[in-house]
Protein backbone atom coordinates (compact mmCIF):
# COMPACT_ATOMS: atom_id res chain seq x y z
CA MET A 1 -14.36 21.56 -10.64
CA GLN A 2 -14.56 21.25 -14.38
CA VAL A 3 -17.34 21.02 -16.85
CA SER A 4 -17.42 19.54 -20.48
CA THR A 5 -19.56 22.40 -21.53
CA THR A 6 -21.08 25.62 -19.58
CA LYS A 7 -24.22 25.23 -22.38
CA PRO A 8 -25.31 21.90 -22.32
CA SER A 9 -28.82 21.05 -23.81
CA VAL A 10 -31.83 19.04 -22.25
CA GLY A 11 -31.53 15.41 -23.07
CA VAL A 12 -28.08 15.74 -23.94
CA PRO A 13 -25.36 14.13 -21.78
CA PHE A 14 -22.05 15.70 -20.84
CA GLU A 15 -19.69 15.27 -18.07
CA ILE A 16 -18.69 17.20 -14.93
CA ALA A 17 -14.88 16.23 -13.32
CA PHE A 18 -13.57 17.24 -9.84
CA HIS A 19 -9.74 17.04 -9.96
CA MET A 20 -7.56 16.96 -6.79
CA ASN A 21 -3.59 16.33 -6.13
CA ALA A 22 -4.21 13.53 -3.93
CA ALA A 23 -6.91 10.90 -2.96
CA PRO A 24 -9.40 12.52 -0.53
CA GLN A 25 -10.49 10.72 2.74
CA ASP A 26 -13.69 11.37 2.18
CA PHE A 27 -15.62 12.92 -0.62
CA THR A 28 -19.37 14.44 -0.73
CA PRO A 29 -20.73 15.61 -4.30
CA PRO A 30 -22.93 18.55 -4.81
CA SER A 31 -27.01 17.88 -5.44
CA PHE A 32 -27.77 16.74 -8.64
CA LYS A 33 -31.47 17.29 -8.25
CA ASP A 34 -31.94 19.01 -11.60
CA PHE A 35 -29.95 16.05 -13.80
CA GLU A 36 -30.03 12.47 -14.17
CA VAL A 37 -27.17 10.59 -13.19
CA ILE A 38 -26.31 8.41 -15.57
CA SER A 39 -22.75 7.35 -14.54
CA GLY A 40 -20.57 8.18 -11.44
CA PRO A 41 -18.60 8.61 -9.66
CA ASN A 42 -15.87 7.45 -11.90
CA GLN A 43 -12.57 7.49 -9.93
CA SER A 44 -9.17 7.70 -11.64
CA GLN A 45 -5.83 8.32 -10.67
CA ASN A 46 -2.55 9.56 -13.09
CA ILE A 47 1.05 8.51 -12.26
CA GLN A 48 3.62 10.61 -14.52
CA PHE A 49 7.61 10.61 -13.84
CA ILE A 50 9.21 13.65 -15.40
CA ASN A 51 12.74 14.00 -15.26
CA GLY A 52 12.70 11.44 -12.24
CA ASN A 53 10.17 13.15 -10.00
CA LEU A 54 6.53 11.39 -9.41
CA SER A 55 3.41 13.59 -9.68
CA GLN A 56 -0.09 12.19 -9.25
CA SER A 57 -3.34 13.51 -9.68
CA PHE A 58 -6.84 12.28 -8.59
CA SER A 59 -10.02 12.51 -10.25
CA ILE A 60 -13.91 11.62 -9.75
CA SER A 61 -16.14 12.48 -12.53
CA TYR A 62 -19.99 12.16 -13.06
CA VAL A 63 -22.20 11.77 -16.89
CA LEU A 64 -24.98 14.04 -16.15
CA ILE A 65 -28.03 14.77 -18.31
CA PRO A 66 -30.16 18.01 -17.73
CA LYS A 67 -33.90 17.72 -16.99
CA LYS A 68 -35.02 21.46 -17.77
CA GLU A 69 -33.60 24.23 -19.68
CA GLY A 70 -32.60 27.61 -18.19
CA PRO A 71 -29.96 28.93 -15.58
CA VAL A 72 -28.78 25.72 -13.03
CA VAL A 73 -26.39 26.18 -10.44
CA ILE A 74 -24.50 23.15 -9.21
CA GLY A 75 -23.00 23.44 -5.79
CA ALA A 76 -19.91 23.20 -3.89
CA ALA A 77 -18.09 19.77 -3.47
CA LYS A 78 -16.42 18.83 -0.18
CA ALA A 79 -13.29 16.40 -0.06
CA VAL A 80 -11.69 16.15 3.18
CA PHE A 81 -7.58 15.84 3.36
CA ASN A 82 -5.62 14.96 6.58
CA GLY A 83 -8.89 15.77 8.83
CA GLN A 84 -9.52 19.19 6.98
CA SER A 85 -12.46 20.14 4.57
CA VAL A 86 -11.77 21.41 1.37
CA TYR A 87 -14.77 22.87 -1.16
CA SER A 88 -14.74 23.44 -4.97
CA SER A 89 -16.14 26.88 -6.39
CA PRO A 90 -20.06 26.43 -7.13
CA ILE A 91 -20.89 26.73 -11.14
CA THR A 92 -23.66 28.41 -12.92
CA LEU A 93 -24.68 26.16 -16.16
CA ASP A 94 -27.15 27.47 -19.12
CA VAL A 95 -29.23 24.70 -19.96
CA GLN A 96 -30.41 25.19 -24.01
CA LYS A 97 -33.29 23.82 -25.14
CA GLY A 98 -32.75 20.14 -26.46
CA SER A 99 -33.30 18.76 -29.74
CA SER A 100 -36.49 16.52 -30.77
CA ASN A 101 -34.12 13.94 -32.26
CA TYR A 102 -31.65 13.53 -29.06
CA SER A 103 -33.08 12.61 -25.98
CA ALA A 104 -32.19 10.79 -22.69
CA HIS A 105 -34.49 7.83 -23.89
CA GLN A 106 -32.63 7.50 -26.81
CA ASN A 107 -29.10 7.93 -25.28
CA ARG A 108 -29.98 4.96 -22.67
CA GLY A 109 -31.49 2.94 -25.54
CA SER A 110 -28.47 3.06 -27.57
CA ASN A 111 -26.62 1.76 -24.59
CA SER A 112 -28.37 -1.62 -24.99
CA GLY A 113 -27.46 -2.11 -28.37
CA GLY A 114 -23.66 -2.21 -30.41
CA ASN A 115 -21.14 -4.54 -30.36
CA SER A 116 -20.04 -5.70 -26.92
CA SER A 117 -16.53 -4.77 -25.65
CA THR A 118 -13.46 -6.87 -25.91
CA LEU A 119 -10.90 -6.20 -23.69
CA GLU A 120 -8.00 -8.29 -23.95
CA VAL A 121 -5.00 -8.19 -21.87
CA ASP A 122 -1.95 -10.45 -22.58
CA LYS A 123 0.03 -11.92 -19.84
CA GLU A 124 2.93 -10.36 -20.92
CA ASP A 125 1.38 -6.82 -20.63
CA ILE A 126 1.04 -6.77 -16.81
CA PHE A 127 2.26 -9.75 -14.15
CA VAL A 128 3.92 -9.88 -10.69
CA ARG A 129 6.80 -11.55 -9.72
CA THR A 130 8.40 -13.06 -6.63
CA SER A 131 11.87 -12.89 -6.35
CA VAL A 132 14.71 -14.16 -3.68
CA ASN A 133 18.34 -13.30 -3.99
CA LYS A 134 19.20 -16.94 -3.23
CA LYS A 135 17.64 -20.39 -3.51
CA GLN A 136 20.09 -22.22 -1.19
CA CYS A 137 21.21 -21.04 2.10
CA TYR A 138 21.99 -22.42 5.43
CA LEU A 139 19.44 -23.02 8.42
CA GLY A 140 18.99 -19.41 9.77
CA GLU A 141 20.49 -17.39 6.99
CA GLN A 142 18.96 -14.11 5.88
CA ILE A 143 16.70 -14.34 2.56
CA THR A 144 15.74 -11.19 0.52
CA LEU A 145 12.07 -11.79 -0.60
CA THR A 146 11.05 -9.24 -2.85
CA GLN A 147 7.18 -8.71 -4.65
CA LYS A 148 7.47 -6.38 -7.66
CA ILE A 149 4.47 -5.80 -10.39
CA TYR A 150 5.61 -5.13 -14.13
CA THR A 151 3.23 -3.19 -16.45
CA ARG A 152 3.37 -1.97 -19.87
CA VAL A 153 -0.41 -0.93 -19.85
CA GLU A 154 -2.22 1.81 -17.45
CA LEU A 155 -1.99 0.95 -13.97
CA ARG A 156 -5.10 2.61 -11.95
CA GLY A 157 -4.73 0.96 -8.80
CA ILE A 158 -4.33 -2.30 -6.66
CA GLN A 159 -6.65 -4.39 -4.39
CA ASN A 160 -7.42 -7.62 -2.62
CA VAL A 161 -3.72 -8.71 -2.00
CA LYS A 162 -3.15 -11.59 -0.70
CA PHE A 163 0.35 -11.87 0.92
CA PRO A 164 1.67 -15.42 1.01
CA HIS A 165 1.97 -17.20 4.25
CA LEU A 166 5.54 -17.91 5.32
CA GLU A 167 5.67 -21.71 6.88
CA GLY A 168 8.83 -22.28 8.41
CA PHE A 169 10.22 -18.69 8.30
CA TRP A 170 10.39 -15.90 10.32
CA ALA A 171 9.58 -12.40 8.50
CA LYS A 172 10.85 -9.04 8.91
CA ASN A 173 9.12 -6.66 6.96
CA GLN A 174 11.64 -3.60 5.33
CA ASP A 175 10.75 -0.36 6.68
CA LYS A 176 9.50 1.77 3.58
CA ASN A 177 6.90 4.00 2.66
CA ASN A 178 3.44 2.03 1.91
CA ASN A 179 3.08 4.23 -1.55
CA ILE A 180 4.19 2.11 -4.76
CA GLN A 181 6.58 4.05 -6.45
CA LEU A 182 7.19 3.47 -10.16
CA HIS A 183 10.12 3.20 -12.45
CA ILE A 184 11.52 1.85 -15.93
CA GLU A 185 13.07 -1.34 -16.12
CA ASN A 186 13.96 -3.33 -19.77
CA ILE A 187 13.24 -6.76 -19.28
CA ASP A 188 14.49 -8.73 -22.25
CA GLY A 189 14.32 -5.67 -24.80
CA ILE A 190 10.72 -4.60 -23.28
CA ASN A 191 10.69 -1.33 -21.15
CA TYR A 192 8.42 -2.06 -18.15
CA TYR A 193 6.93 0.19 -15.33
CA VAL A 194 8.10 -1.59 -12.21
CA GLY A 195 6.26 -1.24 -8.85
CA GLU A 196 7.76 -2.63 -5.46
CA ILE A 197 4.55 -4.37 -3.50
CA SER A 198 6.69 -5.51 -0.76
CA THR A 199 10.58 -6.47 0.91
CA GLN A 200 10.74 -9.14 3.45
CA TYR A 201 13.74 -10.38 4.97
CA ILE A 202 13.31 -14.09 5.75
CA PHE A 203 15.03 -16.55 7.90
CA PRO A 204 14.24 -20.26 7.38
CA GLN A 205 13.79 -22.07 11.09
CA ARG A 206 14.09 -25.55 9.65
CA SER A 207 15.86 -27.19 7.11
CA GLY A 208 15.18 -29.39 4.06
CA LYS A 209 12.88 -28.09 1.30
CA LEU A 210 10.67 -25.02 1.94
CA THR A 211 8.09 -23.30 -0.31
CA ILE A 212 7.22 -19.68 -0.66
CA PRO A 213 3.92 -19.74 -1.68
CA PRO A 214 2.55 -17.22 -4.54
CA LEU A 215 1.31 -13.90 -4.21
CA GLU A 216 -2.23 -13.14 -5.42
CA ILE A 217 -3.17 -9.45 -6.21
CA GLU A 218 -6.27 -7.58 -8.36
CA CYS A 219 -5.16 -5.33 -10.64
CA VAL A 220 -7.16 -2.38 -12.25
CA ILE A 221 -5.97 -1.41 -15.74
CA ARG A 222 -6.79 1.02 -18.20
CA LYS A 223 -6.39 0.01 -22.05
CA ARG A 224 -7.72 0.74 -25.36
CA SER A 225 -10.78 -0.58 -26.51
CA ASN A 226 -12.02 -1.87 -30.19
CA ARG A 227 -15.48 -1.26 -29.57
CA PRO A 228 -17.05 1.68 -32.07
CA PRO A 229 -18.71 4.51 -30.30
CA ARG A 230 -22.43 3.71 -29.12
CA ASP A 231 -23.64 6.98 -29.39
CA ILE A 232 -22.53 10.98 -30.27
CA PHE A 233 -21.48 11.45 -26.74
CA GLU A 234 -19.03 8.73 -26.38
CA GLN A 235 -17.96 9.84 -30.31
CA PHE A 236 -17.46 13.54 -29.74
CA PHE A 237 -15.69 13.01 -26.16
CA GLY A 238 -13.56 9.75 -26.92
CA VAL A 239 -14.66 8.05 -23.76
CA ASN A 240 -15.09 4.35 -25.60
CA ALA A 241 -11.08 4.83 -26.18
CA TYR A 242 -10.13 3.27 -23.06
CA GLU A 243 -12.08 0.82 -20.90
CA ASP A 244 -11.22 -0.40 -16.97
CA ARG A 245 -10.63 -3.93 -16.00
CA VAL A 246 -9.82 -5.98 -12.83
CA VAL A 247 -7.29 -8.52 -13.60
CA THR A 248 -6.12 -11.37 -11.25
CA LEU A 249 -2.61 -11.86 -10.96
CA LYS A 250 -0.58 -14.60 -9.66
CA SER A 251 3.48 -15.25 -9.14
CA GLN A 252 5.03 -18.23 -8.92
CA PRO A 253 5.85 -20.27 -6.16
CA ILE A 254 9.69 -20.46 -5.10
CA ASN A 255 11.48 -23.64 -3.48
CA ILE A 256 14.30 -22.73 -1.12
CA GLN A 257 16.68 -25.62 -0.38
CA VAL A 258 17.99 -25.01 3.42
CA ASP A 259 20.88 -27.06 4.52
CA ASP A 260 21.50 -27.78 8.21
CA LEU A 261 24.55 -25.93 9.79
CA PRO A 262 27.97 -27.88 10.11
CA SER A 263 28.09 -30.06 13.26
CA GLN A 264 32.19 -30.09 13.08
CA ASP A 265 33.82 -27.86 15.53
CA LYS A 266 30.37 -26.67 16.54
CA PRO A 267 30.80 -24.64 19.98
CA ALA A 268 28.54 -26.12 23.18
CA ASN A 269 27.44 -22.58 23.88
CA PHE A 270 26.25 -22.03 20.18
CA SER A 271 22.39 -20.61 20.38
CA GLY A 272 21.73 -20.23 16.50
CA ALA A 273 23.33 -16.81 15.66
CA VAL A 274 23.96 -16.76 12.10
CA GLY A 275 25.04 -13.62 9.90
CA THR A 276 28.42 -11.70 9.36
CA ASN A 277 30.38 -9.09 11.04
CA PHE A 278 29.25 -9.88 14.65
CA SER A 279 31.06 -8.16 17.84
CA PHE A 280 30.64 -9.12 21.35
CA LYS A 281 30.81 -6.62 24.03
CA VAL A 282 30.46 -7.42 28.00
CA GLU A 283 30.49 -4.08 30.25
CA ILE A 284 30.07 -3.78 33.86
CA ASN A 285 29.18 -0.47 35.58
CA ARG A 286 31.57 -0.91 38.76
CA ASN A 287 34.10 -3.71 39.84
CA LYS A 288 34.27 -2.87 43.56
CA VAL A 289 30.74 -2.79 45.48
CA PRO A 290 29.74 -3.29 48.70
CA ALA A 291 27.96 -6.47 49.93
CA ASN A 292 23.93 -6.72 49.10
CA ASP A 293 24.64 -3.67 46.54
CA ALA A 294 23.28 -3.84 42.85
CA ILE A 295 26.03 -4.26 40.00
CA ASN A 296 24.59 -3.75 36.43
CA LEU A 297 26.22 -6.22 33.58
CA LYS A 298 25.28 -5.16 30.10
CA VAL A 299 26.07 -7.47 27.13
CA THR A 300 25.87 -5.96 23.91
CA ILE A 301 25.66 -8.44 20.50
CA SER A 302 25.96 -6.69 17.15
CA GLY A 303 26.48 -7.31 13.66
CA ASN A 304 24.31 -8.50 10.40
CA GLY A 305 22.08 -11.35 10.38
CA ASN A 306 19.46 -13.02 12.58
CA ILE A 307 19.91 -10.76 15.61
CA PRO A 308 16.37 -10.67 16.85
CA LEU A 309 16.31 -14.11 17.12
CA ILE A 310 19.70 -14.48 19.49
CA ASP A 311 18.99 -15.91 22.97
CA ALA A 312 21.04 -14.52 25.84
CA PRO A 313 24.35 -15.96 26.25
CA LYS A 314 24.66 -18.42 29.00
CA ILE A 315 26.63 -16.74 32.19
CA ASN A 316 27.62 -18.82 35.18
CA PHE A 317 27.57 -16.82 37.97
CA PRO A 318 28.86 -17.37 41.11
CA SER A 319 26.63 -18.98 43.77
CA GLU A 320 27.05 -15.86 46.17
CA PHE A 321 25.57 -13.51 43.55
CA GLU A 322 21.45 -12.97 43.42
CA THR A 323 20.75 -12.64 39.68
CA TYR A 324 17.82 -11.94 37.89
CA ASP A 325 16.47 -12.20 34.47
CA PRO A 326 18.25 -9.85 31.90
CA LYS A 327 16.23 -6.74 30.60
CA ILE A 328 16.43 -7.15 26.54
CA THR A 329 16.67 -4.12 24.10
CA GLU A 330 16.59 -4.01 20.62
CA ASN A 331 17.94 -1.54 17.81
CA ILE A 332 17.37 -3.19 14.37
CA SER A 333 17.36 -1.93 10.95
CA THR A 334 16.07 -3.24 7.64
CA SER A 335 17.04 -0.76 5.62
CA ASN A 336 19.86 -2.95 3.79
CA GLY A 337 18.99 -6.40 5.42
CA VAL A 338 18.58 -6.81 9.18
CA SER A 339 21.32 -5.86 11.10
CA GLY A 340 21.56 -3.81 14.54
CA THR A 341 22.35 -4.45 18.02
CA LYS A 342 20.79 -6.86 20.91
CA THR A 343 21.66 -5.65 24.43
CA PHE A 344 21.23 -8.11 27.56
CA GLU A 345 21.22 -6.23 30.79
CA TYR A 346 21.40 -8.34 34.03
CA LEU A 347 21.10 -6.89 37.79
CA ILE A 348 23.49 -8.71 39.86
CA ILE A 349 23.61 -8.45 43.90
CA PRO A 350 26.77 -9.93 45.95
CA ARG A 351 25.49 -11.34 49.10
CA GLN A 352 29.47 -12.55 50.57
CA GLU A 353 32.57 -10.30 50.61
CA GLY A 354 35.12 -11.56 48.67
CA THR A 355 36.93 -11.71 45.06
CA TYR A 356 35.21 -12.80 41.99
CA LYS A 357 36.24 -13.87 38.53
CA LEU A 358 33.87 -13.83 35.45
CA ASP A 359 36.13 -15.37 32.96
CA ASP A 360 34.11 -17.93 30.92
CA ILE A 361 31.58 -15.49 29.19
CA GLN A 362 31.35 -15.91 25.35
CA PHE A 363 29.71 -15.49 22.27
CA SER A 364 29.86 -17.90 19.26
CA TYR A 365 28.21 -17.45 15.93
CA PHE A 366 28.11 -19.05 12.36
CA ASN A 367 30.03 -16.71 9.89
CA LEU A 368 28.63 -16.94 6.32
CA ASN A 369 31.56 -15.57 4.98
CA SER A 370 34.08 -18.40 5.94
CA LYS A 371 31.39 -20.84 6.29
CA SER A 372 32.84 -21.63 9.88
CA TYR A 373 32.02 -21.02 13.56
CA ILE A 374 33.63 -18.00 15.48
CA THR A 375 34.01 -18.09 19.30
CA ILE A 376 34.59 -14.23 20.70
CA PRO A 377 35.11 -14.37 24.10
CA SER A 378 35.08 -11.61 26.71
CA PRO A 379 38.18 -10.30 28.80
CA GLU A 380 37.97 -11.19 32.13
CA ILE A 381 36.24 -9.43 34.56
CA ILE A 382 37.00 -8.95 38.55
CA ILE A 383 34.57 -8.04 41.01
CA GLU A 384 36.06 -7.20 44.42
CA VAL A 385 33.17 -7.39 47.13
CA THR A 386 33.80 -5.42 50.36
CA PRO A 387 31.64 -5.67 53.44
CA SER A 388 28.30 -3.93 53.63
CA THR A 389 28.26 -0.66 54.76
CA ASN A 390 24.48 -0.93 55.85
CA PRO A 391 23.93 -2.16 59.24
CA ASN A 392 20.64 -3.62 58.21
CA ASN A 393 22.04 -5.67 55.07
CA ASN A 394 25.03 -6.95 57.52
CA ALA A 395 22.24 -8.82 59.43
CA ALA A 396 20.60 -10.11 56.05
CA GLN A 397 23.91 -11.09 55.44
CA VAL A 398 24.96 -12.91 58.40
CA TYR A 399 21.47 -14.66 58.06
CA GLN A 400 21.96 -15.73 54.64
CA GLN A 401 25.49 -17.06 55.33
CA PHE A 402 24.65 -18.96 58.22
CA LYS A 403 20.69 -19.98 57.89
CA GLN A 404 21.99 -23.43 55.87
CA GLU A 405 23.69 -23.87 59.61
CA ILE A 406 20.72 -23.10 61.13
CA LYS A 407 18.92 -25.23 60.11
CA ASN A 408 20.80 -28.29 60.55
CA GLU A 409 21.32 -27.89 64.08
CA ASP A 410 17.47 -27.81 65.04
CA ASN A 411 18.23 -28.43 68.79
CA ASP A 412 19.71 -25.26 68.86
CA ILE A 413 17.97 -21.87 69.82
CA HIS A 414 16.12 -20.46 66.99
CA PHE A 415 16.00 -16.63 66.24
CA ILE A 416 13.04 -15.21 68.10
CA LYS A 417 9.96 -15.31 66.05
CA ALA A 418 8.20 -11.60 65.56
CA TYR A 419 4.70 -10.95 66.06
CA PRO A 420 2.02 -11.86 65.15
CA TYR A 421 2.45 -15.52 65.91
CA THR A 422 -0.17 -18.45 67.10
CA ILE A 423 -0.39 -20.35 70.35
CA THR A 424 -1.33 -24.05 70.14
CA ASN A 425 -2.47 -26.16 73.16
CA LYS A 426 0.63 -28.56 73.69
CA ASN A 427 -2.37 -31.97 74.62
CA GLU A 428 -3.92 -31.42 71.21
CA THR A 429 -3.46 -34.02 68.97
CA PHE A 430 -3.19 -34.62 65.28
CA PHE A 431 -5.44 -37.80 65.16
CA ASN A 432 -9.38 -37.55 64.68
CA SER A 433 -8.80 -33.43 64.50
CA ARG A 434 -10.17 -31.32 62.07
CA THR A 435 -7.15 -30.95 60.23
CA HIS A 436 -6.78 -34.84 60.05
CA LEU A 437 -10.05 -35.54 58.54
CA VAL A 438 -9.59 -32.74 56.08
CA THR A 439 -6.15 -34.36 54.73
CA LEU A 440 -7.93 -37.73 54.45
CA ILE A 441 -11.04 -36.21 52.17
CA PHE A 442 -8.99 -33.72 50.20
CA PRO A 443 -7.26 -36.31 48.12
CA TYR A 444 -10.78 -37.65 46.83
CA PHE A 445 -11.93 -34.74 45.57
CA ALA A 446 -8.73 -33.53 43.89
CA MET A 447 -9.15 -36.86 41.91
CA LEU A 448 -12.61 -35.91 41.11
CA ALA A 449 -11.65 -32.45 40.25
CA LEU A 450 -8.91 -33.84 38.16
CA LEU A 451 -11.22 -36.23 36.25
CA GLY A 452 -13.81 -33.57 35.42
CA PHE A 453 -11.05 -31.04 34.12
CA TYR A 454 -9.89 -33.94 32.14
CA ASN A 455 -13.26 -34.47 30.45
CA TYR A 456 -13.92 -31.12 29.83
CA GLN A 457 -10.43 -30.69 28.17
CA LYS A 458 -11.47 -33.98 26.00
CA ASN A 459 -15.03 -32.98 24.64
CA LEU A 460 -13.16 -29.49 24.02
CA ARG A 461 -10.52 -31.22 21.74
CA GLN A 462 -13.17 -33.62 20.22
CA ASP A 463 -15.23 -30.51 19.11
CA TRP A 464 -13.14 -27.42 18.76
CA ALA A 465 -14.64 -26.11 15.71
CA SER A 466 -17.76 -25.57 17.48
CA TYR A 467 -16.25 -24.06 20.33
CA GLN A 468 -14.46 -21.59 18.01
CA GLN A 469 -17.78 -20.81 16.66
CA LYS A 470 -19.50 -19.82 19.51
CA ARG A 471 -16.46 -17.37 20.18
CA ALA A 472 -16.34 -15.95 16.35
CA SER A 473 -18.27 -12.85 17.79
CA LYS A 474 -16.15 -12.39 20.79
CA ILE A 475 -13.29 -13.03 18.92
CA ALA A 476 -14.19 -10.35 16.27
CA HIS A 477 -14.97 -7.97 18.84
CA GLN A 478 -11.53 -7.93 19.96
CA TYR A 479 -10.25 -6.91 16.93
CA LEU A 480 -12.98 -4.35 16.77
CA ARG A 481 -11.59 -2.81 20.08
CA SER A 482 -7.99 -2.83 18.38
CA ALA A 483 -9.32 -1.03 15.07
CA ASP A 484 -11.32 1.74 17.60
CA GLN A 485 -7.75 2.18 19.65
CA ALA A 486 -6.05 2.40 16.35
CA LEU A 487 -8.45 5.20 15.11
CA LYS A 488 -8.27 7.09 18.44
CA ASN A 489 -4.55 7.22 17.96
CA ASN A 490 -4.55 8.23 14.06
CA GLN A 491 -3.01 5.23 12.83
CA ASN A 492 -4.75 4.45 9.72
CA THR A 493 -2.77 1.35 8.60
CA GLU A 494 -3.38 -0.60 11.55
CA PHE A 495 -6.61 0.59 11.96
CA TYR A 496 -7.57 -1.20 8.11
CA THR A 497 -5.79 -4.07 9.31
CA ALA A 498 -7.58 -4.49 12.55
CA ILE A 499 -11.08 -4.41 10.38
CA LEU A 500 -10.03 -6.68 7.91
CA GLN A 501 -8.99 -9.28 10.55
CA ALA A 502 -12.33 -8.48 12.56
CA LEU A 503 -14.64 -9.92 9.28
CA GLU A 504 -12.13 -12.32 7.81
CA ASN A 505 -11.53 -14.41 11.60
CA TYR A 506 -15.70 -13.69 12.42
CA PHE A 507 -16.33 -15.55 8.71
CA ILE A 508 -13.57 -18.22 9.31
CA TYR A 509 -14.69 -19.34 12.97
CA LYS A 510 -18.42 -18.86 12.38
CA PHE A 511 -18.49 -20.76 9.20
CA LYS A 512 -15.71 -23.36 9.95
CA VAL A 513 -13.82 -22.27 6.59
CA PRO A 514 -10.29 -22.91 6.70
CA LYS A 515 -8.20 -19.58 6.11
CA SER A 516 -6.78 -21.15 3.21
CA GLU A 517 -10.02 -21.59 1.53
CA LEU A 518 -10.96 -18.14 2.40
CA THR A 519 -11.50 -16.76 -1.09
CA LYS A 520 -14.63 -14.02 -2.39
CA ASP A 521 -16.58 -16.59 -4.20
CA LYS A 522 -16.53 -19.24 -1.03
CA ILE A 523 -17.86 -16.27 1.20
CA LYS A 524 -20.56 -15.40 -1.42
CA ASP A 525 -21.45 -19.48 -1.72
CA ILE A 526 -21.85 -19.72 2.12
CA PHE A 527 -23.89 -16.51 2.72
CA ASN A 528 -26.57 -17.64 -0.04
CA LYS A 529 -26.23 -21.15 1.80
CA TYR A 530 -27.60 -19.33 5.22
CA GLN A 531 -29.50 -17.03 3.30
CA ILE A 532 -28.06 -13.29 4.57
CA PRO A 533 -29.51 -10.82 3.25
CA GLU A 534 -27.94 -8.75 0.01
CA SER A 535 -27.40 -5.73 1.54
CA THR A 536 -25.40 -7.60 4.38
CA GLN A 537 -23.46 -9.45 1.70
CA HIS A 538 -23.00 -5.98 -0.32
CA ASN A 539 -21.83 -3.88 2.94
CA TYR A 540 -19.22 -6.73 3.77
CA PHE A 541 -17.42 -6.96 0.68
CA GLU A 542 -17.60 -3.10 0.17
CA ILE A 543 -15.77 -3.00 3.40
CA LEU A 544 -13.31 -5.86 2.49
CA ASP A 545 -12.10 -3.92 -0.82
CA THR A 546 -11.98 -0.75 1.09
CA CYS A 547 -9.55 -1.81 3.63
CA GLU A 548 -7.36 -3.94 0.86
CA MET A 549 -7.32 -0.68 -1.41
CA ALA A 550 -6.19 1.74 1.65
CA LYS A 551 -3.60 -0.67 2.96
CA TYR A 552 -1.87 -1.65 -0.14
CA SER A 553 -2.78 1.00 -3.00
CA PRO A 554 -1.64 4.48 -3.42
CA ILE A 555 -5.26 5.15 -3.70
CA GLN A 556 -7.01 5.86 -0.10
CA SER A 557 -10.48 5.19 0.49
CA VAL A 558 -12.85 7.88 0.52
CA ALA A 559 -15.23 6.10 3.10
CA SER A 560 -15.20 7.96 6.55
CA LEU A 561 -13.02 5.85 8.87
CA ASN A 562 -15.94 6.37 11.90
CA GLU A 563 -18.80 5.19 9.63
CA LEU A 564 -16.56 2.01 8.28
CA PHE A 565 -16.03 1.39 11.98
CA ALA A 566 -19.95 1.60 12.45
CA LYS A 567 -20.56 -0.49 9.46
CA ALA A 568 -18.31 -3.31 10.56
CA GLN A 569 -20.13 -3.51 13.73
CA GLN A 570 -23.51 -3.32 12.03
CA ILE A 571 -22.79 -5.95 9.64
CA ILE A 572 -21.30 -8.58 12.40
CA THR A 573 -24.46 -7.92 14.62
CA GLN A 574 -26.84 -8.33 11.79
CA ILE A 575 -25.15 -11.69 10.81
CA GLU A 576 -25.72 -12.90 14.27
CA GLN A 577 -29.01 -11.72 14.38
CA HIS A 578 -29.92 -13.54 11.24
CA ARG A 579 -28.36 -16.82 12.16
CA HIS A 580 -30.28 -17.06 15.15
CA THR A 581 -33.32 -16.36 13.32
CA VAL A 582 -33.25 -18.70 10.71
């Protein structure tokens, strides 16, 4: 804790600041009952690069005016870092008698006069840019999409980041720290501080012209102001020299031309793998096995490209083999493009003895370096199946082998039926029996049921928006449950994402607003249209800003996560109650 003076005067403003080396999770200021608070809390963050090392500090300040003279004690402030509480040291001030020509009233009155602030921001001072490493590619080829912010003014923080909806692409985010690290780049002879907002690896899923929409972001910047000081306090401390301002930035859209893969020499078993340095390996845990025992066949594909999108290779197993869907495991890295391995494990059970060959297992992919298809065959696999060593399995094998013959020879002796079984009267006829009557009536009931279900689906499709509107609260609470689970698991990023999705999806479905039109101005207009109370509106936007700041900015929210969760629940309940009473 630091004050601008330890001997302030009654009616004369002074500044008190609390300095921290990181943004707190929660902050509780001391009691200012003997002071008048004319400004604050004011938050600021400073980022410095010295010899390649990044350092940062976080401050919360207030401007106070003493109400009475004499000794006054300002108690300890409380800050929470990683769940632990830290307290500042109390400080004692000796408040002096104020002069008659300087009072709090005069200070406040001077704020209303003077020239208004003019803080101009040139578009070359700060901007965001969306860039890709290629603007023409093949279907399924990897593209690196990077979102960066460039600034030559002091950047205080970012908020309300709206990432583009990548229609027609499959995307994988690069694994990285969520904090934005600034470095210096020279662009056209001008040095900028550059921060990477996000890096994604995208894969086009259809050919033709695809568009990457722009990124929208709000930045809090600090820049020198040209207005004169309004009072002695500003003149002495120079607080008028800089002002904070929120600017909205938007990048340019980018068009990508996606070409179809060549049809010439395209293998019949090609399943869409596109990339480089692919390898293919087939392994079996044993080549000799008794009948009705299990075998594990593992197929491993590795390389650089659209590994997560590769389907299991088609394997023609003998009809005597009982097989199951493969177990799929992935080991994907995104440190320098998408690469890794994808494994398919098959469980195979041979039911008959004999010698079997698996000689047609292949993997084909489109190589981006040679612009051609490459087929990798697997070595021939020979499986020798010996007679079963389990007597019970032998019986099952005999039944499996001859069950078709038994079915064809219907007049022959059948296997003895095990208890329980039912006995019917031989003289009983089917005609006019209960089963006969139910069989006659059942088709009519089935037809009526199908007709009712068709009408229900038809009405539902005709007024789908109204149906979703009724489920808006239920959808929101599903996301809130996800937020509660993330809170219990200490997953802060997932918690903020779930809270945002709960509030945004509730608004989209409740008020029938397309997601593309979901802006703060639109939300404000609809709230006013339905006469939603101002307090509810304020809390709604406050939670949105807090979650966006916590997700995309190195400045963390000071709000308690539990209070944020409770407030989100309360807002949805208040809107629901208000909509039913209006």
